Protein backbone atom coordinates (compact mmCIF):
# COMPACT_ATOMS: atom_id res chain seq x y z
CA MET A 1 8.72 149.31 -57.63
CA GLY A 2 4.59 149.76 -56.03
CA LYS A 3 4.52 152.06 -53.08
CA TYR A 4 4.06 149.18 -50.61
CA ASP A 5 7.44 146.97 -52.25
CA HIS A 6 9.62 148.98 -49.64
CA LEU A 7 7.33 147.01 -46.64
CA GLU A 8 7.00 143.80 -48.60
CA THR A 9 11.59 143.88 -48.53
CA LEU A 10 11.19 144.17 -44.84
CA ARG A 11 9.09 141.86 -44.11
CA GLN A 12 11.25 139.92 -45.46
CA LYS A 13 14.87 140.41 -44.09
CA LEU A 14 12.63 139.90 -39.84
CA ALA A 15 11.00 136.79 -41.62
CA SER A 16 14.16 135.49 -41.75
CA ARG A 17 15.25 136.50 -38.25
CA ALA A 18 13.05 135.51 -37.48
CA ARG A 19 13.43 132.40 -38.19
CA GLY A 20 16.64 132.62 -36.71
CA LYS A 21 15.54 133.84 -33.94
CA LYS A 22 17.16 136.94 -33.79
CA VAL A 23 13.95 139.28 -33.76
CA SER A 24 11.57 139.20 -30.45
CA SER A 25 8.26 137.47 -31.47
CA ALA A 26 6.62 141.02 -29.35
CA LEU A 27 8.35 142.76 -33.29
CA VAL A 28 6.66 140.11 -35.56
CA SER A 29 3.66 140.45 -33.98
CA LEU A 30 3.12 143.90 -34.25
CA TRP A 31 4.71 143.50 -38.23
CA LEU A 32 1.72 141.07 -38.81
CA LYS A 33 -0.94 143.64 -37.20
CA PHE A 34 0.93 145.73 -39.62
CA ASP A 35 0.22 144.52 -42.43
CA GLU A 36 -3.68 143.63 -41.62
CA CYS A 37 -4.32 146.95 -41.27
CA LEU A 38 -2.61 147.55 -44.39
CA ASP A 39 -5.31 145.76 -45.52
CA LYS A 40 -8.59 147.72 -44.38
CA TYR A 41 -6.68 150.36 -46.44
CA LYS A 42 -8.78 151.66 -49.35
CA PRO A 43 -7.99 154.54 -51.62
CA SER A 44 -9.52 158.33 -51.34
CA CYS A 45 -11.35 156.57 -48.68
CA LYS A 46 -13.30 158.88 -45.78
CA GLU A 47 -12.72 155.42 -43.09
CA ASN A 48 -9.70 155.63 -43.87
CA ASP A 49 -8.63 158.46 -41.82
CA ALA A 50 -8.61 155.36 -38.81
CA VAL A 51 -7.05 153.40 -40.21
CA ILE A 52 -4.10 155.22 -41.05
CA ARG A 53 -4.64 156.35 -37.19
CA GLU A 54 -3.96 152.90 -36.56
CA LEU A 55 -1.03 152.77 -38.67
CA ARG A 56 1.10 155.00 -37.42
CA GLU A 57 0.49 153.63 -33.24
CA ILE A 58 1.22 150.39 -34.84
CA GLN A 59 4.95 151.73 -36.47
CA ALA A 60 5.20 154.10 -33.06
CA SER A 61 4.81 150.07 -31.40
CA ILE A 62 7.36 149.07 -33.96
CA LYS A 63 9.65 151.46 -33.35
CA GLU A 64 9.92 151.40 -29.43
CA THR A 65 10.01 147.30 -29.96
CA ILE A 66 13.27 148.48 -32.44
CA ASN A 67 15.08 150.40 -29.63
CA GLY A 68 14.32 148.09 -26.79
CA GLY A 69 11.20 148.16 -25.37
CA ALA A 70 10.60 144.56 -25.67
CA GLU A 71 13.08 141.26 -25.86
CA ASP A 72 10.99 138.16 -26.79
CA ASN A 73 12.75 136.53 -28.09
CA VAL A 74 11.32 134.12 -30.69
């Protein structure tokens, strides 16, 4: 099992729910943004500090959205 397999599983569940129109468009957008940011991460690289900060900000937005911060249905 890879380090980020749990994220892929979560994205698949999210995509499934989005198809069923049970997930907000804001949440789907945040997960896509998180995925794009994760692609910037390079092991053993000094620039990762900025990427990690950005990932944490996106995670906070995802958590806020899940807890009812945004209710735009797809």
